[in-house]
Every structure is written in C-alpha cells, then in structure tokens.
C-alpha cells in the first residue's frame, strides 16, 4: 500500500467515525446529515455516501473525490447529494478542513425562521465570535440551476458581505434549510454542530424568558472567545 492510499484510508476512518457521531449525538434522524474532510495536498475530499443508513455504513464506503467533486474510485457509492456545497466551501474557505451538515432540530428552527443566532451568552461566545449568520434565501433560479452548489455560494457570499472569519464563526444557518459547521478535523466540525444546536436551544428559551434581551457586551464576548482561541488562550491544558 502506498503512502497516499494509507492517508486516504485514514481519512475514510475519520470521516466514518465522525458521521457515526451524528446519530449518537442526536444531531440527525434517518440519513439526514453528512461529514466530509479535505486534504488539499493530496487533492481529495472524503464524504459520506448518499442515503446510506448509519447502522449499515462502513469506513470503506466513504466516497473519495477530487477537489471538484469527481469520483476517484471505480467501485464507489454515490457521494452525498450535498457534496457540491462542501466543494464550494473547501475552495473558498482555505482555513477549513472538515464540513458537517445536519438537520438538527434546534438549528433548523433558526434557519427556517430566517434569523441570525444572537450571541446571548458566554456558552455561545466560547465557540462563536459573535452572531451566527443566516444566509439570504436562494432564488428560484439558483435552486433550479445548481441548488447544492449555490447553497455553498450563498454561504460564502454571506461571510464575505459581513466580513466574517470562518475560523471565528465556524457555522452558518442556511435560510429555510439548516446548519453547516466546519473545523480543523471532522471531530471538531461535529463538535461545532453539537454546540450550535445547544446554543440555538438556549437562545430560543432565553427569548421566551425575556423577549427584550440583548446580546452580551463586546468585552464579555471578547473575554470568553479569546480565553479559548488565539495566542493568548489559557483555557484547558495546552
């Protein structure tokens, strides 16, 4: 086995394990989700196969494509239908190495409402440096012509227009659709999906308790985000 094949095998295992986390963490029902990882040096993306039950899935079934989403293995299952979205994100966001998409209940509530997720507290601020944005709605032309690709395009558009860093806000809500998160590894991207869903729940309940609540002040957002991220981080054992 060559080094490249070994690296791809390791990618498949990581992507497989990360996908299995989704139902374990109650972030997906049925087959409503996918995880992928990119290796730009190898020029490959590994992603979950389309519509395969998590209980029946194997690591070998993870689908390998090039950076344009073209299949690289002859005996391959069909990749996730969301692959074109992942391809756009990897192309336009060089900071990220793994992407997760789910239809987790609490995150989808905010996406269907067409609302940004406000940074109401420090739990949010530990991971997301400010509000998590919700994209605009795709046009009928965008849906008809290249739905999944344009889903990626509208995410990129949102981050560029709002001057957001994918590292500082590793999540987005796609209007009427659901969440995408990302990270340095598949495991980290899944973790960000879990955190996003939890803070979506907290924000919804917060507004029920106090309909006039405001986001936390900038100094508190800064304190909690930067104690975990950046050169001055001091949280944990690193």
C-alpha atoms as a PDB file:
ATOM      1  CA  UNK A   1       0.000   0.000   0.000  1.00  0.00           C
ATOM      2  CA  UNK A   2       1.368   3.414  -0.953  1.00  0.00           C
ATOM      3  CA  UNK A   3       1.582   6.334   1.446  1.00  0.00           C
ATOM      4  CA  UNK A   4      -1.206   8.169  -0.365  1.00  0.00           C
ATOM      5  CA  UNK A   5      -3.547   5.181  -0.116  1.00  0.00           C
ATOM      6  CA  UNK A   6      -2.758   4.908   3.563  1.00  0.00           C
ATOM      7  CA  UNK A   7      -3.580   8.576   4.095  1.00  0.00           C
ATOM      8  CA  UNK A   8      -6.866   8.182   2.243  1.00  0.00           C
ATOM      9  CA  UNK A   9      -7.679   5.106   4.332  1.00  0.00           C
ATOM     10  CA  UNK A  10      -7.066   7.175   7.476  1.00  0.00           C
ATOM     11  CA  UNK A  11      -9.295   9.955   6.115  1.00  0.00           C
ATOM     12  CA  UNK A  12     -12.059   7.442   5.437  1.00  0.00           C
ATOM     13  CA  UNK A  13     -11.836   6.173   9.001  1.00  0.00           C
ATOM     14  CA  UNK A  14     -12.014   9.688  10.469  1.00  0.00           C
ATOM     15  CA  UNK A  15     -14.942  10.652   8.257  1.00  0.00           C
ATOM     16  CA  UNK A  16     -16.738   7.387   9.041  1.00  0.00           C
ATOM     17  CA  UNK A  17     -16.303   7.842  12.796  1.00  0.00           C
ATOM     18  CA  UNK A  18     -17.420  11.468  12.622  1.00  0.00           C
ATOM     19  CA  UNK A  19     -20.529  10.508  10.659  1.00  0.00           C
ATOM     20  CA  UNK A  20     -21.399   7.901  13.283  1.00  0.00           C
ATOM     21  CA  UNK A  21     -21.272  10.625  15.918  1.00  0.00           C
ATOM     22  CA  UNK A  22     -24.192  12.451  14.310  1.00  0.00           C
ATOM     23  CA  UNK A  23     -26.935   9.990  15.310  1.00  0.00           C
ATOM     24  CA  UNK A  24     -25.151   9.221  18.590  1.00  0.00           C
ATOM     25  CA  UNK A  25     -25.338  12.921  19.481  1.00  0.00           C
ATOM     26  CA  UNK A  26     -28.933  13.129  18.228  1.00  0.00           C
ATOM     27  CA  UNK A  27     -27.966  15.617  15.544  1.00  0.00           C
ATOM     28  CA  UNK A  28     -29.568  13.595  12.746  1.00  0.00           C
ATOM     29  CA  UNK A  29     -32.531  11.333  12.175  1.00  0.00           C
ATOM     30  CA  UNK A  30     -32.728   8.761   9.380  1.00  0.00           C
ATOM     31  CA  UNK A  31     -29.940   9.707   6.923  1.00  0.00           C
ATOM     32  CA  UNK A  32     -30.287  13.496   7.255  1.00  0.00           C
ATOM     33  CA  UNK A  33     -26.655  14.514   7.536  1.00  0.00           C
ATOM     34  CA  UNK A  34     -23.110  14.181   6.305  1.00  0.00           C
ATOM     35  CA  UNK A  35     -19.497  14.816   7.229  1.00  0.00           C
ATOM     36  CA  UNK A  36     -16.544  15.332   4.905  1.00  0.00           C
ATOM     37  CA  UNK A  37     -12.820  16.013   5.124  1.00  0.00           C
ATOM     38  CA  UNK A  38     -10.435  17.550   2.599  1.00  0.00           C
ATOM     39  CA  UNK A  39      -6.712  17.015   2.016  1.00  0.00           C
ATOM     40  CA  UNK A  40      -5.631  19.739  -0.371  1.00  0.00           C
ATOM     41  CA  UNK A  41      -2.097  18.372  -0.774  1.00  0.00           C
ATOM     42  CA  UNK A  42      -3.482  15.028  -1.943  1.00  0.00           C
ATOM     43  CA  UNK A  43      -6.234  16.794  -3.857  1.00  0.00           C
ATOM     44  CA  UNK A  44      -9.025  14.691  -2.351  1.00  0.00           C
ATOM     45  CA  UNK A  45     -12.293  15.007  -0.474  1.00  0.00           C
ATOM     46  CA  UNK A  46     -13.777  12.117   1.508  1.00  0.00           C
ATOM     47  CA  UNK A  47     -17.518  12.267   2.240  1.00  0.00           C
ATOM     48  CA  UNK A  48     -20.402  10.084   3.401  1.00  0.00           C
ATOM     49  CA  UNK A  49     -22.234   8.111   0.696  1.00  0.00           C
ATOM     50  CA  UNK A  50     -25.714   9.299  -0.187  1.00  0.00           C
ATOM     51  CA  UNK A  51     -28.683   7.815   1.667  1.00  0.00           C
ATOM     52  CA  UNK A  52     -26.808   5.002   3.414  1.00  0.00           C
ATOM     53  CA  UNK A  53     -28.126   4.092   6.847  1.00  0.00           C
ATOM     54  CA  UNK A  54     -25.659   4.906   9.614  1.00  0.00           C
ATOM     55  CA  UNK A  55     -26.131   1.462  11.168  1.00  0.00           C
ATOM     56  CA  UNK A  56     -25.154  -0.272   7.932  1.00  0.00           C
ATOM     57  CA  UNK A  57     -22.361   2.055   6.830  1.00  0.00           C
ATOM     58  CA  UNK A  58     -18.680   1.025   6.785  1.00  0.00           C
ATOM     59  CA  UNK A  59     -15.488   3.034   6.590  1.00  0.00           C
ATOM     60  CA  UNK A  60     -14.688   1.540   3.189  1.00  0.00           C
ATOM     61  CA  UNK A  61     -17.903   3.005   1.818  1.00  0.00           C
ATOM     62  CA  UNK A  62     -16.785   6.583   2.372  1.00  0.00           C
ATOM     63  CA  UNK A  63     -16.582   8.230  -1.039  1.00  0.00           C
ATOM     64  CA  UNK A  64     -13.358   9.738  -2.388  1.00  0.00           C
ATOM     65  CA  UNK A  65     -13.461  12.573  -4.919  1.00  0.00           C
ATOM     66  CA  UNK A  66     -11.086  15.161  -6.277  1.00  0.00           C
ATOM     67  CA  UNK A  67     -11.376  18.814  -5.261  1.00  0.00           C
ATOM     68  CA  UNK A  68     -14.020  19.346  -7.949  1.00  0.00           C
ATOM     69  CA  UNK A  69     -16.173  16.505  -6.639  1.00  0.00           C
ATOM     70  CA  UNK A  70     -15.311  13.951  -9.309  1.00  0.00           C
ATOM     71  CA  UNK A  71     -15.158  10.324  -8.181  1.00  0.00           C
ATOM     72  CA  UNK A  72     -11.671   8.835  -7.840  1.00  0.00           C
ATOM     73  CA  UNK A  73     -12.508   5.212  -7.056  1.00  0.00           C
ATOM     74  CA  UNK A  74     -14.106   2.851  -9.584  1.00  0.00           C
ATOM     75  CA  UNK A  75     -16.127   0.795  -7.101  1.00  0.00           C
ATOM     76  CA  UNK A  76     -17.646   3.791  -5.355  1.00  0.00           C
ATOM     77  CA  UNK A  77     -21.080   4.521  -3.982  1.00  0.00           C
ATOM     78  CA  UNK A  78     -22.726   7.802  -4.879  1.00  0.00           C
ATOM     79  CA  UNK A  79     -21.470  10.657  -2.683  1.00  0.00           C
ATOM     80  CA  UNK A  80     -23.762  12.733  -0.512  1.00  0.00           C
ATOM     81  CA  UNK A  81     -26.024  14.979  -2.568  1.00  0.00           C
ATOM     82  CA  UNK A  82     -24.582  17.891  -0.557  1.00  0.00           C
ATOM     83  CA  UNK A  83     -21.091  17.284  -1.974  1.00  0.00           C
ATOM     84  CA  UNK A  84     -21.223  20.371  -4.272  1.00  0.00           C
ATOM     85  CA  UNK A  85     -21.818  22.548  -1.199  1.00  0.00           C
ATOM     86  CA  UNK A  86     -18.778  21.042   0.529  1.00  0.00           C
ATOM     87  CA  UNK A  87     -16.688  21.543  -2.639  1.00  0.00           C
ATOM     88  CA  UNK A  88     -17.517  25.266  -2.711  1.00  0.00           C
ATOM     89  CA  UNK A  89     -16.732  25.699   0.980  1.00  0.00           C
ATOM     90  CA  UNK A  90     -13.352  23.973   0.649  1.00  0.00           C
ATOM     91  CA  UNK A  91     -12.490  26.012  -2.424  1.00  0.00           C
ATOM     92  CA  UNK A  92     -13.485  29.385  -0.957  1.00  0.00           C
ATOM     93  CA  UNK A  93     -12.541  28.829   2.690  1.00  0.00           C
ATOM     94  CA  UNK A  94      -8.952  27.547   2.747  1.00  0.00           C
ATOM     95  CA  UNK A  95      -8.915  27.743   6.542  1.00  0.00           C
ATOM     96  CA  UNK A  96     -11.234  24.763   6.976  1.00  0.00           C
ATOM     97  CA  UNK A  97     -10.522  21.050   6.646  1.00  0.00           C
ATOM     98  CA  UNK A  98     -13.835  19.370   7.519  1.00  0.00           C
ATOM     99  CA  UNK A  99     -17.516  20.181   6.981  1.00  0.00           C
ATOM    100  CA  UNK A 100     -20.677  18.899   8.662  1.00  0.00           C
ATOM    101  CA  UNK A 101     -24.273  19.335   7.535  1.00  0.00           C
ATOM    102  CA  UNK A 102     -27.229  18.241   9.645  1.00  0.00           C
ATOM    103  CA  UNK A 103     -30.926  18.900  10.008  1.00  0.00           C
ATOM    104  CA  UNK A 104     -30.688  19.091  13.792  1.00  0.00           C
ATOM    105  CA  UNK A 105     -33.990  20.315  15.219  1.00  0.00           C
ATOM    106  CA  UNK A 106     -32.942  23.399  17.134  1.00  0.00           C
ATOM    107  CA  UNK A 107     -30.587  24.760  14.488  1.00  0.00           C
ATOM    108  CA  UNK A 108     -33.186  24.198  11.774  1.00  0.00           C
ATOM    109  CA  UNK A 109     -35.694  26.241  13.796  1.00  0.00           C
ATOM    110  CA  UNK A 110     -33.486  29.294  13.410  1.00  0.00           C
ATOM    111  CA  UNK A 111     -32.722  28.574   9.762  1.00  0.00           C
ATOM    112  CA  UNK A 112     -36.423  28.207   8.970  1.00  0.00           C
ATOM    113  CA  UNK A 113     -37.126  31.429  10.828  1.00  0.00           C
ATOM    114  CA  UNK A 114     -34.521  33.160   8.658  1.00  0.00           C
ATOM    115  CA  UNK A 115     -32.776  34.599  11.687  1.00  0.00           C
ATOM    116  CA  UNK A 116     -29.190  35.066  12.749  1.00  0.00           C
ATOM    117  CA  UNK A 117     -28.397  33.335  16.033  1.00  0.00           C
ATOM    118  CA  UNK A 118     -27.632  36.120  18.543  1.00  0.00           C
ATOM    119  CA  UNK A 119     -24.724  35.807  20.956  1.00  0.00           C
ATOM    120  CA  UNK A 120     -26.788  35.964  24.125  1.00  0.00           C
ATOM    121  CA  UNK A 121     -24.278  34.405  26.490  1.00  0.00           C
ATOM    122  CA  UNK A 122     -20.847  33.046  27.229  1.00  0.00           C
ATOM    123  CA  UNK A 123     -21.687  29.485  26.153  1.00  0.00           C
ATOM    124  CA  UNK A 124     -22.190  30.884  22.662  1.00  0.00           C
ATOM    125  CA  UNK A 125     -19.102  33.089  22.920  1.00  0.00           C
ATOM    126  CA  UNK A 126     -16.815  30.186  23.819  1.00  0.00           C
ATOM    127  CA  UNK A 127     -17.113  28.919  20.232  1.00  0.00           C
ATOM    128  CA  UNK A 128     -18.658  31.614  18.034  1.00  0.00           C
ATOM    129  CA  UNK A 129     -17.181  35.114  17.994  1.00  0.00           C
ATOM    130  CA  UNK A 130     -20.457  36.963  17.519  1.00  0.00           C
ATOM    131  CA  UNK A 131     -23.783  36.094  15.950  1.00  0.00           C
ATOM    132  CA  UNK A 132     -24.017  33.016  13.739  1.00  0.00           C
ATOM    133  CA  UNK A 133     -25.341  34.339  10.421  1.00  0.00           C
ATOM    134  CA  UNK A 134     -28.335  33.147   8.484  1.00  0.00           C
ATOM    135  CA  UNK A 135     -27.983  33.408   4.722  1.00  0.00           C
ATOM    136  CA  UNK A 136     -30.446  35.042   2.398  1.00  0.00           C
ATOM    137  CA  UNK A 137     -32.985  32.827   0.699  1.00  0.00           C
ATOM    138  CA  UNK A 138     -31.886  31.242  -2.562  1.00  0.00           C
ATOM    139  CA  UNK A 139     -33.739  32.444  -5.640  1.00  0.00           C
ATOM    140  CA  UNK A 140     -35.827  30.074  -7.719  1.00  0.00           C
ATOM    141  CA  UNK A 141     -33.209  30.337 -10.473  1.00  0.00           C
ATOM    142  CA  UNK A 142     -30.400  29.418  -8.062  1.00  0.00           C
ATOM    143  CA  UNK A 143     -32.365  26.408  -6.836  1.00  0.00           C
ATOM    144  CA  UNK A 144     -33.249  25.256 -10.321  1.00  0.00           C
ATOM    145  CA  UNK A 145     -29.816  25.682 -11.907  1.00  0.00           C
ATOM    146  CA  UNK A 146     -27.455  24.294  -9.271  1.00  0.00           C
ATOM    147  CA  UNK A 147     -29.109  24.004  -5.885  1.00  0.00           C
ATOM    148  CA  UNK A 148     -26.326  22.425  -3.816  1.00  0.00           C
ATOM    149  CA  UNK A 149     -23.550  24.450  -5.432  1.00  0.00           C
ATOM    150  CA  UNK A 150     -25.484  27.675  -4.913  1.00  0.00           C
ATOM    151  CA  UNK A 151     -26.064  26.716  -1.296  1.00  0.00           C
ATOM    152  CA  UNK A 152     -22.278  26.839  -0.925  1.00  0.00           C
ATOM    153  CA  UNK A 153     -22.143  30.093  -2.882  1.00  0.00           C
ATOM    154  CA  UNK A 154     -24.695  31.815  -0.660  1.00  0.00           C
ATOM    155  CA  UNK A 155     -22.755  30.749   2.447  1.00  0.00           C
ATOM    156  CA  UNK A 156     -19.553  32.215   1.023  1.00  0.00           C
ATOM    157  CA  UNK A 157     -21.428  35.346  -0.048  1.00  0.00           C
ATOM    158  CA  UNK A 158     -22.776  35.802   3.485  1.00  0.00           C
ATOM    159  CA  UNK A 159     -19.336  35.569   5.076  1.00  0.00           C
ATOM    160  CA  UNK A 160     -17.790  37.963   2.559  1.00  0.00           C
ATOM    161  CA  UNK A 161     -20.566  40.551   2.811  1.00  0.00           C
ATOM    162  CA  UNK A 162     -20.428  40.532   6.609  1.00  0.00           C
ATOM    163  CA  UNK A 163     -16.632  40.341   6.747  1.00  0.00           C
ATOM    164  CA  UNK A 164     -16.738  37.242   8.928  1.00  0.00           C
ATOM    165  CA  UNK A 165     -13.874  34.838   9.533  1.00  0.00           C
ATOM    166  CA  UNK A 166     -14.717  31.136   9.060  1.00  0.00           C
ATOM    167  CA  UNK A 167     -12.303  30.393  11.897  1.00  0.00           C
ATOM    168  CA  UNK A 168     -14.016  32.777  14.310  1.00  0.00           C
ATOM    169  CA  UNK A 169     -17.553  31.792  13.337  1.00  0.00           C
ATOM    170  CA  UNK A 170     -17.351  28.113  12.298  1.00  0.00           C
ATOM    171  CA  UNK A 171     -21.041  27.793  11.477  1.00  0.00           C
ATOM    172  CA  UNK A 172     -23.839  29.143   9.325  1.00  0.00           C
ATOM    173  CA  UNK A 173     -27.594  28.766   9.061  1.00  0.00           C
ATOM    174  CA  UNK A 174     -28.877  28.412   5.508  1.00  0.00           C
ATOM    175  CA  UNK A 175     -32.257  30.128   5.187  1.00  0.00           C
ATOM    176  CA  UNK A 176     -35.094  27.620   5.188  1.00  0.00           C
ATOM    177  CA  UNK A 177     -32.669  24.704   5.136  1.00  0.00           C
ATOM    178  CA  UNK A 178     -30.372  24.072   8.063  1.00  0.00           C
ATOM    179  CA  UNK A 179     -26.898  24.345   9.579  1.00  0.00           C
ATOM    180  CA  UNK A 180     -23.431  23.793   8.199  1.00  0.00           C
ATOM    181  CA  UNK A 181     -20.428  23.778  10.501  1.00  0.00           C
ATOM    182  CA  UNK A 182     -16.729  23.227   9.909  1.00  0.00           C
ATOM    183  CA  UNK A 183     -13.416  22.853  11.652  1.00  0.00           C
ATOM    184  CA  UNK A 184      -9.824  21.651  11.505  1.00  0.00           C
ATOM    185  CA  UNK A 185     -10.891  17.998  11.801  1.00  0.00           C
ATOM    186  CA  UNK A 186     -14.112  16.037  11.260  1.00  0.00           C
ATOM    187  CA  UNK A 187     -14.382  15.536  15.020  1.00  0.00           C
ATOM    188  CA  UNK A 188     -14.079  19.277  15.654  1.00  0.00           C
ATOM    189  CA  UNK A 189     -16.630  20.093  12.958  1.00  0.00           C
ATOM    190  CA  UNK A 190     -19.102  17.686  14.603  1.00  0.00           C
ATOM    191  CA  UNK A 191     -18.389  19.264  17.977  1.00  0.00           C
ATOM    192  CA  UNK A 192     -19.251  22.659  16.492  1.00  0.00           C
ATOM    193  CA  UNK A 193     -22.549  21.217  15.197  1.00  0.00           C
ATOM    194  CA  UNK A 194     -23.409  19.998  18.672  1.00  0.00           C
ATOM    195  CA  UNK A 195     -22.530  23.340  20.255  1.00  0.00           C
ATOM    196  CA  UNK A 196     -24.528  25.213  17.621  1.00  0.00           C
ATOM    197  CA  UNK A 197     -27.619  23.135  18.292  1.00  0.00           C
ATOM    198  CA  UNK A 198     -27.276  23.617  22.041  1.00  0.00           C
ATOM    199  CA  UNK A 199     -26.895  27.401  21.851  1.00  0.00           C
ATOM    200  CA  UNK A 200     -29.836  27.554  19.418  1.00  0.00           C
ATOM    201  CA  UNK A 201     -31.927  25.913  22.137  1.00  0.00           C
ATOM    202  CA  UNK A 202     -30.582  28.268  24.783  1.00  0.00           C
ATOM    203  CA  UNK A 203     -31.293  31.328  22.637  1.00  0.00           C
ATOM    204  CA  UNK A 204     -34.871  30.235  21.912  1.00  0.00           C
ATOM    205  CA  UNK A 205     -35.560  29.623  25.594  1.00  0.00           C
ATOM    206  CA  UNK A 206     -33.854  32.883  26.571  1.00  0.00           C
ATOM    207  CA  UNK A 207     -36.213  34.847  24.337  1.00  0.00           C
ATOM    208  CA  UNK A 208     -39.166  33.081  25.934  1.00  0.00           C
ATOM    209  CA  UNK A 209     -37.976  34.171  29.379  1.00  0.00           C
ATOM    210  CA  UNK A 210     -37.074  37.709  28.292  1.00  0.00           C
ATOM    211  CA  UNK A 211     -38.358  38.881  24.919  1.00  0.00           C
ATOM    212  CA  UNK A 212     -36.317  42.075  25.217  1.00  0.00           C
ATOM    213  CA  UNK A 213     -32.922  40.502  25.909  1.00  0.00           C
ATOM    214  CA  UNK A 214     -29.863  41.962  24.182  1.00  0.00           C
ATOM    215  CA  UNK A 215     -26.669  40.254  23.104  1.00  0.00           C
ATOM    216  CA  UNK A 216     -23.816  40.175  25.586  1.00  0.00           C
ATOM    217  CA  UNK A 217     -21.463  43.160  25.594  1.00  0.00           C
ATOM    218  CA  UNK A 218     -18.378  43.100  23.399  1.00  0.00           C
ATOM    219  CA  UNK A 219     -15.964  42.931  26.325  1.00  0.00           C
ATOM    220  CA  UNK A 220     -17.594  39.738  27.630  1.00  0.00           C
ATOM    221  CA  UNK A 221     -17.723  38.225  24.143  1.00  0.00           C
ATOM    222  CA  UNK A 222     -14.008  39.013  23.755  1.00  0.00           C
ATOM    223  CA  UNK A 223     -13.114  37.539  27.128  1.00  0.00           C
ATOM    224  CA  UNK A 224     -14.826  34.219  26.581  1.00  0.00           C
ATOM    225  CA  UNK A 225     -13.844  33.753  22.957  1.00  0.00           C
ATOM    226  CA  UNK A 226     -10.183  34.676  23.327  1.00  0.00           C
ATOM    227  CA  UNK A 227      -9.589  32.712  26.507  1.00  0.00           C
ATOM    228  CA  UNK A 228     -10.097  29.618  24.297  1.00  0.00           C
ATOM    229  CA  UNK A 229      -8.793  30.882  20.958  1.00  0.00           C
ATOM    230  CA  UNK A 230      -5.743  32.734  19.696  1.00  0.00           C
ATOM    231  CA  UNK A 231      -2.279  33.460  21.023  1.00  0.00           C
ATOM    232  CA  UNK A 232      -3.497  34.484  24.486  1.00  0.00           C
ATOM    233  CA  UNK A 233      -5.731  31.462  25.091  1.00  0.00           C
ATOM    234  CA  UNK A 234      -5.399  29.958  28.549  1.00  0.00           C
ATOM    235  CA  UNK A 235      -8.368  27.579  28.856  1.00  0.00           C
ATOM    236  CA  UNK A 236      -7.545  23.885  29.203  1.00  0.00           C
ATOM    237  CA  UNK A 237      -4.209  22.077  29.491  1.00  0.00           C
ATOM    238  CA  UNK A 238      -2.443  23.248  26.320  1.00  0.00           C
END
